[in-house]
Structure formats: structure tokens, C-alpha cells
Amino acid sequence: MAGRDQSGGLYLTEDGGQTWARIGRQGPQTFGGYFHPQHAGWIYLTLTEDAPGAGLWLSRDNAKSWRAFDDLPFSNIQRVEFDPTDDSVIRVTTFGGSVWRGPATPAEP
């Protein structure tokens, strides 16, 4: 829509906040970004329910490319949590309190 704020998204700084680069924006609002503690360069992007398509995205190359989690049972993703005993598993929660536990990477197309 014309006139809508286009400044939202996920931003990254690599110089202590001196400069910022938008690394992800799939919808009008972004809930957040999460770095996988066991995989360098893995960033999860979480989106609100108004986002087109999937509410969870993963970059495994420090935000150069993104893949959607298209098979989740909901799209309004608020939080990503990492299983401390198995780095191939994540848990995601919605704003409404639903929880999904599954693979840390999206299904292959």
C-alpha cells in the first residue's frame, strides 16, 4: 500500500551499532531475530500473522539468503527456543501461546 511505513525488518550491526543493515523483511512487522547458539551464521526471522506466507524463516549464511518454514501449523511466530540437548531441534511459540517442536531447518522443497 502506498504510504505504509517500510522501515520495519530485521537489522544487523557488525560494528557495535555504528552502522546497521536490513537483512530481512518479509512482512509489515517483524517480531525478532534469533541466532542459533551452535551454528555460526544461522539466523531465524520471526514474523507476525499479517506477513505474507510463512511466519518463520532461516538463513544459514548470515542473511545472504533465506528459506521459509512453510509447513508450520501457524504463521504468527513470536519466539524461537533452542533445545540444549539436540541442536537439530527448535521450539517456536506464537503470540497466542501455541508451541511447536520440530526440526531446526525447513523441509526441502
C-alpha atoms as a PDB file:
ATOM      1  CA  MET A   1       0.000   0.000   0.000  1.00  0.00           C
ATOM      2  CA  ALA A   2       1.183   3.469  -0.746  1.00  0.00           C
ATOM      3  CA  GLY A   3       2.191   5.444   2.303  1.00  0.00           C
ATOM      4  CA  ARG A   4       2.765   2.427   4.567  1.00  0.00           C
ATOM      5  CA  ASP A   5       5.855   2.504   6.743  1.00  0.00           C
ATOM      6  CA  GLN A   6       8.540   0.429   5.030  1.00  0.00           C
ATOM      7  CA  SER A   7      11.216   0.773   7.727  1.00  0.00           C
ATOM      8  CA  GLY A   8      10.423  -2.485   9.552  1.00  0.00           C
ATOM      9  CA  GLY A   9      12.516  -5.587   9.291  1.00  0.00           C
ATOM     10  CA  LEU A  10      15.435  -7.322  10.889  1.00  0.00           C
ATOM     11  CA  TYR A  11      18.629  -5.294  11.134  1.00  0.00           C
ATOM     12  CA  LEU A  12      22.207  -6.408  11.828  1.00  0.00           C
ATOM     13  CA  THR A  13      25.216  -4.468  13.053  1.00  0.00           C
ATOM     14  CA  GLU A  14      28.761  -5.759  12.999  1.00  0.00           C
ATOM     15  CA  ASP A  15      30.465  -2.655  14.385  1.00  0.00           C
ATOM     16  CA  GLY A  16      28.831  -2.178  17.779  1.00  0.00           C
ATOM     17  CA  GLY A  17      25.891  -0.183  16.433  1.00  0.00           C
ATOM     18  CA  GLN A  18      27.746   2.381  14.333  1.00  0.00           C
ATOM     19  CA  THR A  19      26.032   1.157  11.162  1.00  0.00           C
ATOM     20  CA  TRP A  20      23.036  -1.089  10.544  1.00  0.00           C
ATOM     21  CA  ALA A  21      21.946  -3.112   7.517  1.00  0.00           C
ATOM     22  CA  ARG A  22      18.461  -4.501   6.967  1.00  0.00           C
ATOM     23  CA  ILE A  23      18.962  -8.228   6.476  1.00  0.00           C
ATOM     24  CA  GLY A  24      15.379  -9.425   6.391  1.00  0.00           C
ATOM     25  CA  ARG A  25      11.921  -8.108   5.714  1.00  0.00           C
ATOM     26  CA  GLN A  26       9.173 -10.415   4.554  1.00  0.00           C
ATOM     27  CA  GLY A  27       6.190  -8.571   6.000  1.00  0.00           C
ATOM     28  CA  PRO A  28       4.991  -5.337   7.570  1.00  0.00           C
ATOM     29  CA  GLN A  29       6.173  -6.344  11.059  1.00  0.00           C
ATOM     30  CA  THR A  30       8.981  -8.481  12.433  1.00  0.00           C
ATOM     31  CA  PHE A  31       8.814  -9.999  15.892  1.00  0.00           C
ATOM     32  CA  GLY A  32      12.510 -10.725  16.067  1.00  0.00           C
ATOM     33  CA  GLY A  33      15.663 -12.497  15.100  1.00  0.00           C
ATOM     34  CA  TYR A  34      17.432 -15.350  16.822  1.00  0.00           C
ATOM     35  CA  PHE A  35      20.956 -16.649  16.352  1.00  0.00           C
ATOM     36  CA  HIS A  36      21.407 -20.405  16.658  1.00  0.00           C
ATOM     37  CA  PRO A  37      23.878 -20.945  19.517  1.00  0.00           C
ATOM     38  CA  GLN A  38      25.525 -23.976  17.872  1.00  0.00           C
ATOM     39  CA  HIS A  39      25.636 -22.872  14.205  1.00  0.00           C
ATOM     40  CA  ALA A  40      27.537 -19.731  13.238  1.00  0.00           C
ATOM     41  CA  GLY A  41      25.708 -17.668  10.629  1.00  0.00           C
ATOM     42  CA  TRP A  42      22.280 -19.222  11.311  1.00  0.00           C
ATOM     43  CA  ILE A  43      19.636 -16.538  11.862  1.00  0.00           C
ATOM     44  CA  TYR A  44      15.921 -17.151  12.400  1.00  0.00           C
ATOM     45  CA  LEU A  45      13.486 -14.379  11.403  1.00  0.00           C
ATOM     46  CA  THR A  46      10.057 -14.383  13.081  1.00  0.00           C
ATOM     47  CA  LEU A  47       7.066 -12.550  11.610  1.00  0.00           C
ATOM     48  CA  THR A  48       3.561 -11.529  12.636  1.00  0.00           C
ATOM     49  CA  GLU A  49       0.336 -13.030  11.314  1.00  0.00           C
ATOM     50  CA  ASP A  50      -0.065 -10.253   8.730  1.00  0.00           C
ATOM     51  CA  ALA A  51       3.073 -11.350   6.904  1.00  0.00           C
ATOM     52  CA  PRO A  52       2.554 -12.961   3.523  1.00  0.00           C
ATOM     53  CA  GLY A  53       3.368 -16.664   3.672  1.00  0.00           C
ATOM     54  CA  ALA A  54       5.441 -18.286   6.384  1.00  0.00           C
ATOM     55  CA  GLY A  55       5.993 -16.733   9.803  1.00  0.00           C
ATOM     56  CA  LEU A  56       9.432 -18.291  10.310  1.00  0.00           C
ATOM     57  CA  TRP A  57      12.483 -18.038   8.059  1.00  0.00           C
ATOM     58  CA  LEU A  58      16.051 -19.324   8.372  1.00  0.00           C
ATOM     59  CA  SER A  59      19.293 -18.070   6.899  1.00  0.00           C
ATOM     60  CA  ARG A  60      22.279 -20.398   7.184  1.00  0.00           C
ATOM     61  CA  ASP A  61      24.668 -17.943   5.516  1.00  0.00           C
ATOM     62  CA  ASN A  62      24.432 -14.883   7.785  1.00  0.00           C
ATOM     63  CA  ALA A  63      21.412 -13.379   5.971  1.00  0.00           C
ATOM     64  CA  LYS A  64      22.607 -13.699   2.375  1.00  0.00           C
ATOM     65  CA  SER A  65      19.673 -15.994   1.570  1.00  0.00           C
ATOM     66  CA  TRP A  66      16.520 -17.138   3.394  1.00  0.00           C
ATOM     67  CA  ARG A  67      14.328 -20.268   3.397  1.00  0.00           C
ATOM     68  CA  ALA A  68      10.809 -20.403   4.786  1.00  0.00           C
ATOM     69  CA  PHE A  69       9.373 -22.910   7.229  1.00  0.00           C
ATOM     70  CA  ASP A  70       6.280 -23.473   5.078  1.00  0.00           C
ATOM     71  CA  ASP A  71       4.953 -26.494   6.987  1.00  0.00           C
ATOM     72  CA  LEU A  72       4.303 -24.945  10.408  1.00  0.00           C
ATOM     73  CA  PRO A  73       0.713 -25.211  11.727  1.00  0.00           C
ATOM     74  CA  PHE A  74       0.597 -21.437  12.365  1.00  0.00           C
ATOM     75  CA  SER A  75       2.249 -18.302  10.978  1.00  0.00           C
ATOM     76  CA  ASN A  76       2.317 -15.789  13.828  1.00  0.00           C
ATOM     77  CA  ILE A  77       5.705 -16.727  15.313  1.00  0.00           C
ATOM     78  CA  GLN A  78       6.833 -14.847  18.394  1.00  0.00           C
ATOM     79  CA  ARG A  79       9.807 -16.725  19.804  1.00  0.00           C
ATOM     80  CA  VAL A  80      12.372 -19.375  18.847  1.00  0.00           C
ATOM     81  CA  GLU A  81      13.978 -21.514  21.543  1.00  0.00           C
ATOM     82  CA  PHE A  82      16.818 -23.965  21.065  1.00  0.00           C
ATOM     83  CA  ASP A  83      16.916 -27.463  22.531  1.00  0.00           C
ATOM     84  CA  PRO A  84      20.051 -27.580  24.723  1.00  0.00           C
ATOM     85  CA  THR A  85      20.430 -31.343  24.228  1.00  0.00           C
ATOM     86  CA  ASP A  86      19.834 -31.535  20.466  1.00  0.00           C
ATOM     87  CA  ASP A  87      20.928 -28.721  18.126  1.00  0.00           C
ATOM     88  CA  SER A  88      18.783 -30.111  15.306  1.00  0.00           C
ATOM     89  CA  VAL A  89      15.566 -29.272  17.208  1.00  0.00           C
ATOM     90  CA  ILE A  90      13.852 -25.941  17.878  1.00  0.00           C
ATOM     91  CA  ARG A  91      10.674 -24.863  19.640  1.00  0.00           C
ATOM     92  CA  VAL A  92       8.641 -21.928  18.408  1.00  0.00           C
ATOM     93  CA  THR A  93       5.810 -20.146  20.166  1.00  0.00           C
ATOM     94  CA  THR A  94       3.003 -17.934  18.936  1.00  0.00           C
ATOM     95  CA  PHE A  95       1.634 -14.778  20.462  1.00  0.00           C
ATOM     96  CA  GLY A  96      -1.432 -16.818  21.480  1.00  0.00           C
ATOM     97  CA  GLY A  97       0.624 -19.433  23.316  1.00  0.00           C
ATOM     98  CA  SER A  98       0.796 -22.335  20.861  1.00  0.00           C
ATOM     99  CA  VAL A  99       4.070 -24.285  20.827  1.00  0.00           C
ATOM    100  CA  TRP A 100       5.619 -26.311  18.000  1.00  0.00           C
ATOM    101  CA  ARG A 101       8.674 -28.545  18.377  1.00  0.00           C
ATOM    102  CA  GLY A 102      10.458 -29.737  15.266  1.00  0.00           C
ATOM    103  CA  PRO A 103      13.500 -29.677  13.017  1.00  0.00           C
ATOM    104  CA  ALA A 104      15.799 -26.646  13.173  1.00  0.00           C
ATOM    105  CA  THR A 105      15.813 -26.401   9.351  1.00  0.00           C
ATOM    106  CA  PRO A 106      12.912 -26.039   6.911  1.00  0.00           C
ATOM    107  CA  ALA A 107      11.722 -29.023   4.877  1.00  0.00           C
ATOM    108  CA  GLU A 108      13.398 -29.346   1.485  1.00  0.00           C
ATOM    109  CA  PRO A 109      11.216 -28.066  -1.379  1.00  0.00           C
END
